[in-house]
Amino acid sequence: MTTLAIIWYSRTGGSRQLAEAARDAALEAGDVDVRFLKAEDAEADDLLAADGYLFACPENLAAIAGVMKAFFDRTYYEVLGRMEGRPYAAIICAGSDGENAKKQLERICTGWRLKKVADTPIINVGAQTKEEILAEKSIGESDLEKARELGGALGAGLEMGVF
């Protein structure tokens, strides 16, 4: 059985909802072991034990959220040169833009020599005021469907060995 590691961080629930939707679809897509890991708990061994990855996080101040960045900082050199060619996808939850966070996350994965197997969706929640930014998020059905499609494709692709 192949293993998909979904590594996520969420402060206000948006990225968590997207990661959960992707997880549920990956589990339905086939015979794949899905490891659902908070970024603050994930370690290098979790990366090495997986056959593919889905990273989900919010954009904060035009970058990936600090907790997600800390995960990459903590694991990057420990796994460098040991994961080349493995498939990955990502989801960014943003208030209005998300492009810099997307570029940053994809650049890290490029450094690991991972294989990007899907475009990185940016889910824009439109939060612009302090109150909106700090409020618990509710992701709409059409955006959750994007996450399901991504998770399902990763799960099925890993099971069939197409990546």
C-alpha atoms as a PDB file:
ATOM      1  CA  MET A   1       0.000   0.000   0.000  1.00  0.00           C
ATOM      2  CA  THR A   2       1.216   3.498  -0.787  1.00  0.00           C
ATOM      3  CA  THR A   3       1.226   6.356   1.696  1.00  0.00           C
ATOM      4  CA  LEU A   4       0.064   9.934   1.188  1.00  0.00           C
ATOM      5  CA  ALA A   5       1.185  12.428   3.825  1.00  0.00           C
ATOM      6  CA  ILE A   6      -1.116  15.426   4.154  1.00  0.00           C
ATOM      7  CA  ILE A   7       0.787  18.037   6.114  1.00  0.00           C
ATOM      8  CA  TRP A   8      -1.206  21.096   7.075  1.00  0.00           C
ATOM      9  CA  TYR A   9      -1.405  24.128   9.293  1.00  0.00           C
ATOM     10  CA  SER A  10      -4.418  26.287  10.062  1.00  0.00           C
ATOM     11  CA  ARG A  11      -4.984  29.029  12.600  1.00  0.00           C
ATOM     12  CA  THR A  12      -8.560  29.926  11.725  1.00  0.00           C
ATOM     13  CA  GLY A  13      -9.820  26.696  10.166  1.00  0.00           C
ATOM     14  CA  GLY A  14      -9.697  27.389   6.429  1.00  0.00           C
ATOM     15  CA  SER A  15      -6.647  25.302   5.575  1.00  0.00           C
ATOM     16  CA  ARG A  16      -7.793  22.559   7.959  1.00  0.00           C
ATOM     17  CA  GLN A  17     -11.136  22.276   6.146  1.00  0.00           C
ATOM     18  CA  LEU A  18      -9.353  22.072   2.796  1.00  0.00           C
ATOM     19  CA  ALA A  19      -6.915  19.449   4.091  1.00  0.00           C
ATOM     20  CA  GLU A  20      -9.788  17.397   5.552  1.00  0.00           C
ATOM     21  CA  ALA A  21     -11.687  17.498   2.257  1.00  0.00           C
ATOM     22  CA  ALA A  22      -8.563  16.340   0.396  1.00  0.00           C
ATOM     23  CA  ARG A  23      -7.979  13.591   2.972  1.00  0.00           C
ATOM     24  CA  ASP A  24     -11.515  12.254   2.728  1.00  0.00           C
ATOM     25  CA  ALA A  25     -11.360  12.134  -1.066  1.00  0.00           C
ATOM     26  CA  ALA A  26      -7.947  10.442  -1.052  1.00  0.00           C
ATOM     27  CA  LEU A  27      -9.299   7.748   1.262  1.00  0.00           C
ATOM     28  CA  GLU A  28     -12.272   7.174  -1.040  1.00  0.00           C
ATOM     29  CA  ALA A  29     -10.106   7.123  -4.180  1.00  0.00           C
ATOM     30  CA  GLY A  30      -8.384   3.856  -3.496  1.00  0.00           C
ATOM     31  CA  ASP A  31      -6.202   1.689  -1.346  1.00  0.00           C
ATOM     32  CA  VAL A  32      -3.886   4.362   0.017  1.00  0.00           C
ATOM     33  CA  ASP A  33      -2.733   4.985   3.569  1.00  0.00           C
ATOM     34  CA  VAL A  34      -3.332   8.655   4.379  1.00  0.00           C
ATOM     35  CA  ARG A  35      -1.293  10.212   7.164  1.00  0.00           C
ATOM     36  CA  PHE A  36      -2.991  13.453   8.292  1.00  0.00           C
ATOM     37  CA  LEU A  37      -0.318  15.470  10.077  1.00  0.00           C
ATOM     38  CA  LYS A  38      -0.318  18.920  11.654  1.00  0.00           C
ATOM     39  CA  ALA A  39       2.772  20.814  10.495  1.00  0.00           C
ATOM     40  CA  GLU A  40       3.897  21.340  14.070  1.00  0.00           C
ATOM     41  CA  ASP A  41       3.895  17.562  14.646  1.00  0.00           C
ATOM     42  CA  ALA A  42       5.320  16.347  11.323  1.00  0.00           C
ATOM     43  CA  GLU A  43       8.953  15.274  11.211  1.00  0.00           C
ATOM     44  CA  ALA A  44      11.511  14.199   8.635  1.00  0.00           C
ATOM     45  CA  ASP A  45      10.662  10.520   9.222  1.00  0.00           C
ATOM     46  CA  ASP A  46       7.042  11.259   8.241  1.00  0.00           C
ATOM     47  CA  LEU A  47       8.251  12.646   4.925  1.00  0.00           C
ATOM     48  CA  LEU A  48      10.569   9.719   4.277  1.00  0.00           C
ATOM     49  CA  ALA A  49       7.815   7.198   5.071  1.00  0.00           C
ATOM     50  CA  ALA A  50       5.420   8.698   2.493  1.00  0.00           C
ATOM     51  CA  ASP A  51       5.186   8.061  -1.232  1.00  0.00           C
ATOM     52  CA  GLY A  52       3.514  11.412  -1.969  1.00  0.00           C
ATOM     53  CA  TYR A  53       2.532  14.661  -0.282  1.00  0.00           C
ATOM     54  CA  LEU A  54      -0.166  17.271  -0.019  1.00  0.00           C
ATOM     55  CA  PHE A  55       0.751  20.506   1.743  1.00  0.00           C
ATOM     56  CA  ALA A  56      -2.037  22.847   2.900  1.00  0.00           C
ATOM     57  CA  CYS A  57      -1.487  26.144   4.654  1.00  0.00           C
ATOM     58  CA  PRO A  58      -2.626  29.747   4.845  1.00  0.00           C
ATOM     59  CA  GLU A  59      -0.824  32.759   3.529  1.00  0.00           C
ATOM     60  CA  ASN A  60       0.241  35.158   6.256  1.00  0.00           C
ATOM     61  CA  LEU A  61       1.813  38.506   5.383  1.00  0.00           C
ATOM     62  CA  ALA A  62       2.521  37.421   1.784  1.00  0.00           C
ATOM     63  CA  ALA A  63       4.274  34.182   2.809  1.00  0.00           C
ATOM     64  CA  ILE A  64       3.430  30.695   3.965  1.00  0.00           C
ATOM     65  CA  ALA A  65       2.329  30.727   7.601  1.00  0.00           C
ATOM     66  CA  GLY A  66       5.155  30.625  10.134  1.00  0.00           C
ATOM     67  CA  VAL A  67       4.235  27.220  11.562  1.00  0.00           C
ATOM     68  CA  MET A  68       4.361  25.698   8.069  1.00  0.00           C
ATOM     69  CA  LYS A  69       7.651  27.478   7.364  1.00  0.00           C
ATOM     70  CA  ALA A  70       9.018  26.101  10.645  1.00  0.00           C
ATOM     71  CA  PHE A  71       8.073  22.582   9.491  1.00  0.00           C
ATOM     72  CA  PHE A  72      10.022  23.091   6.262  1.00  0.00           C
ATOM     73  CA  ASP A  73      12.949  24.624   8.177  1.00  0.00           C
ATOM     74  CA  ARG A  74      12.991  21.712  10.626  1.00  0.00           C
ATOM     75  CA  THR A  75      12.910  18.973   7.993  1.00  0.00           C
ATOM     76  CA  TYR A  76      14.444  20.419   4.827  1.00  0.00           C
ATOM     77  CA  TYR A  77      18.085  19.392   5.176  1.00  0.00           C
ATOM     78  CA  GLU A  78      17.313  16.129   6.956  1.00  0.00           C
ATOM     79  CA  VAL A  79      15.482  14.786   3.897  1.00  0.00           C
ATOM     80  CA  LEU A  80      17.366  16.631   1.154  1.00  0.00           C
ATOM     81  CA  GLY A  81      18.550  14.131  -1.441  1.00  0.00           C
ATOM     82  CA  ARG A  82      16.289  11.371  -0.126  1.00  0.00           C
ATOM     83  CA  MET A  83      12.874  12.143  -1.700  1.00  0.00           C
ATOM     84  CA  GLU A  84      13.570  13.089  -5.314  1.00  0.00           C
ATOM     85  CA  GLY A  85      10.807  12.421  -7.802  1.00  0.00           C
ATOM     86  CA  ARG A  86       8.024  11.828  -5.313  1.00  0.00           C
ATOM     87  CA  PRO A  87       4.725  13.520  -6.228  1.00  0.00           C
ATOM     88  CA  TYR A  88       3.270  16.475  -4.408  1.00  0.00           C
ATOM     89  CA  ALA A  89       0.447  18.970  -4.572  1.00  0.00           C
ATOM     90  CA  ALA A  90      -0.427  21.958  -2.409  1.00  0.00           C
ATOM     91  CA  ILE A  91      -3.318  24.221  -1.424  1.00  0.00           C
ATOM     92  CA  ILE A  92      -3.016  27.809  -0.206  1.00  0.00           C
ATOM     93  CA  CYS A  93      -5.776  29.533   1.769  1.00  0.00           C
ATOM     94  CA  ALA A  94      -5.420  33.307   1.372  1.00  0.00           C
ATOM     95  CA  GLY A  95      -7.181  36.489   2.359  1.00  0.00           C
ATOM     96  CA  SER A  96      -6.806  38.168  -1.000  1.00  0.00           C
ATOM     97  CA  ASP A  97      -3.779  37.046  -3.025  1.00  0.00           C
ATOM     98  CA  GLY A  98      -1.742  33.974  -2.074  1.00  0.00           C
ATOM     99  CA  GLU A  99       0.681  34.094  -5.017  1.00  0.00           C
ATOM    100  CA  ASN A 100       3.823  34.685  -2.923  1.00  0.00           C
ATOM    101  CA  ALA A 101       2.945  31.862  -0.529  1.00  0.00           C
ATOM    102  CA  LYS A 102       2.326  29.577  -3.501  1.00  0.00           C
ATOM    103  CA  LYS A 103       5.690  30.485  -5.035  1.00  0.00           C
ATOM    104  CA  GLN A 104       7.471  30.023  -1.724  1.00  0.00           C
ATOM    105  CA  LEU A 105       5.981  26.590  -1.075  1.00  0.00           C
ATOM    106  CA  GLU A 106       6.576  25.417  -4.644  1.00  0.00           C
ATOM    107  CA  ARG A 107      10.178  26.660  -4.497  1.00  0.00           C
ATOM    108  CA  ILE A 108      10.821  24.588  -1.378  1.00  0.00           C
ATOM    109  CA  CYS A 109       9.385  21.516  -3.111  1.00  0.00           C
ATOM    110  CA  THR A 110      11.525  22.240  -6.171  1.00  0.00           C
ATOM    111  CA  GLY A 111      14.569  22.260  -3.904  1.00  0.00           C
ATOM    112  CA  TRP A 112      13.578  18.821  -2.648  1.00  0.00           C
ATOM    113  CA  ARG A 113      13.204  17.755  -6.316  1.00  0.00           C
ATOM    114  CA  LEU A 114       9.614  16.689  -5.735  1.00  0.00           C
ATOM    115  CA  LYS A 115       7.367  16.230  -8.763  1.00  0.00           C
ATOM    116  CA  LYS A 116       4.482  18.706  -8.899  1.00  0.00           C
ATOM    117  CA  VAL A 117       1.478  16.732 -10.160  1.00  0.00           C
ATOM    118  CA  ALA A 118      -1.253  19.398 -10.050  1.00  0.00           C
ATOM    119  CA  ASP A 119      -1.626  23.147 -10.109  1.00  0.00           C
ATOM    120  CA  THR A 120      -1.689  24.723  -6.659  1.00  0.00           C
ATOM    121  CA  PRO A 121      -5.131  26.201  -6.021  1.00  0.00           C
ATOM    122  CA  ILE A 122      -5.320  29.411  -4.042  1.00  0.00           C
ATOM    123  CA  ILE A 123      -8.545  29.601  -2.081  1.00  0.00           C
ATOM    124  CA  ASN A 124      -9.333  33.255  -1.479  1.00  0.00           C
ATOM    125  CA  VAL A 125     -11.536  33.880   1.557  1.00  0.00           C
ATOM    126  CA  GLY A 126     -11.609  37.668   1.083  1.00  0.00           C
ATOM    127  CA  ALA A 127     -10.578  38.499   4.655  1.00  0.00           C
ATOM    128  CA  GLN A 128      -9.323  42.093   4.745  1.00  0.00           C
ATOM    129  CA  THR A 129     -10.042  43.544   8.183  1.00  0.00           C
ATOM    130  CA  LYS A 130      -8.500  42.458  11.465  1.00  0.00           C
ATOM    131  CA  GLU A 131     -11.802  40.929  12.520  1.00  0.00           C
ATOM    132  CA  GLU A 132     -12.239  39.026   9.243  1.00  0.00           C
ATOM    133  CA  ILE A 133      -8.646  37.807   9.252  1.00  0.00           C
ATOM    134  CA  LEU A 134      -8.829  36.494  12.826  1.00  0.00           C
ATOM    135  CA  ALA A 135     -12.328  34.999  12.499  1.00  0.00           C
ATOM    136  CA  GLU A 136     -12.932  31.260  12.129  1.00  0.00           C
ATOM    137  CA  LYS A 137     -13.245  30.521   8.414  1.00  0.00           C
ATOM    138  CA  SER A 138     -15.983  28.646   6.608  1.00  0.00           C
ATOM    139  CA  ILE A 139     -14.851  27.338   3.234  1.00  0.00           C
ATOM    140  CA  GLY A 140     -17.509  27.214   0.538  1.00  0.00           C
ATOM    141  CA  GLU A 141     -18.579  24.013  -1.181  1.00  0.00           C
ATOM    142  CA  SER A 142     -17.012  24.879  -4.551  1.00  0.00           C
ATOM    143  CA  ASP A 143     -13.621  25.426  -2.888  1.00  0.00           C
ATOM    144  CA  LEU A 144     -13.955  22.258  -0.825  1.00  0.00           C
ATOM    145  CA  GLU A 145     -14.652  20.441  -4.098  1.00  0.00           C
ATOM    146  CA  LYS A 146     -11.319  21.709  -5.481  1.00  0.00           C
ATOM    147  CA  ALA A 147      -9.596  20.186  -2.458  1.00  0.00           C
ATOM    148  CA  ARG A 148     -11.513  16.918  -2.905  1.00  0.00           C
ATOM    149  CA  GLU A 149     -10.485  16.731  -6.555  1.00  0.00           C
ATOM    150  CA  LEU A 150      -6.855  17.272  -5.585  1.00  0.00           C
ATOM    151  CA  GLY A 151      -6.915  14.695  -2.789  1.00  0.00           C
ATOM    152  CA  GLY A 152      -8.778  12.166  -4.919  1.00  0.00           C
ATOM    153  CA  ALA A 153      -6.340  12.569  -7.792  1.00  0.00           C
ATOM    154  CA  LEU A 154      -3.344  12.126  -5.498  1.00  0.00           C
ATOM    155  CA  GLY A 155      -4.847   9.064  -3.833  1.00  0.00           C
ATOM    156  CA  ALA A 156      -5.827   7.412  -7.080  1.00  0.00           C
ATOM    157  CA  GLY A 157      -2.563   8.316  -8.785  1.00  0.00           C
ATOM    158  CA  LEU A 158      -0.493   6.881  -5.952  1.00  0.00           C
ATOM    159  CA  GLU A 159      -2.529   3.681  -5.902  1.00  0.00           C
ATOM    160  CA  MET A 160      -2.203   3.211  -9.678  1.00  0.00           C
ATOM    161  CA  GLY A 161       1.480   4.151  -9.672  1.00  0.00           C
ATOM    162  CA  VAL A 162       1.053   6.834 -12.339  1.00  0.00           C
ATOM    163  CA  PHE A 163       3.269   9.330 -10.527  1.00  0.00           C
END
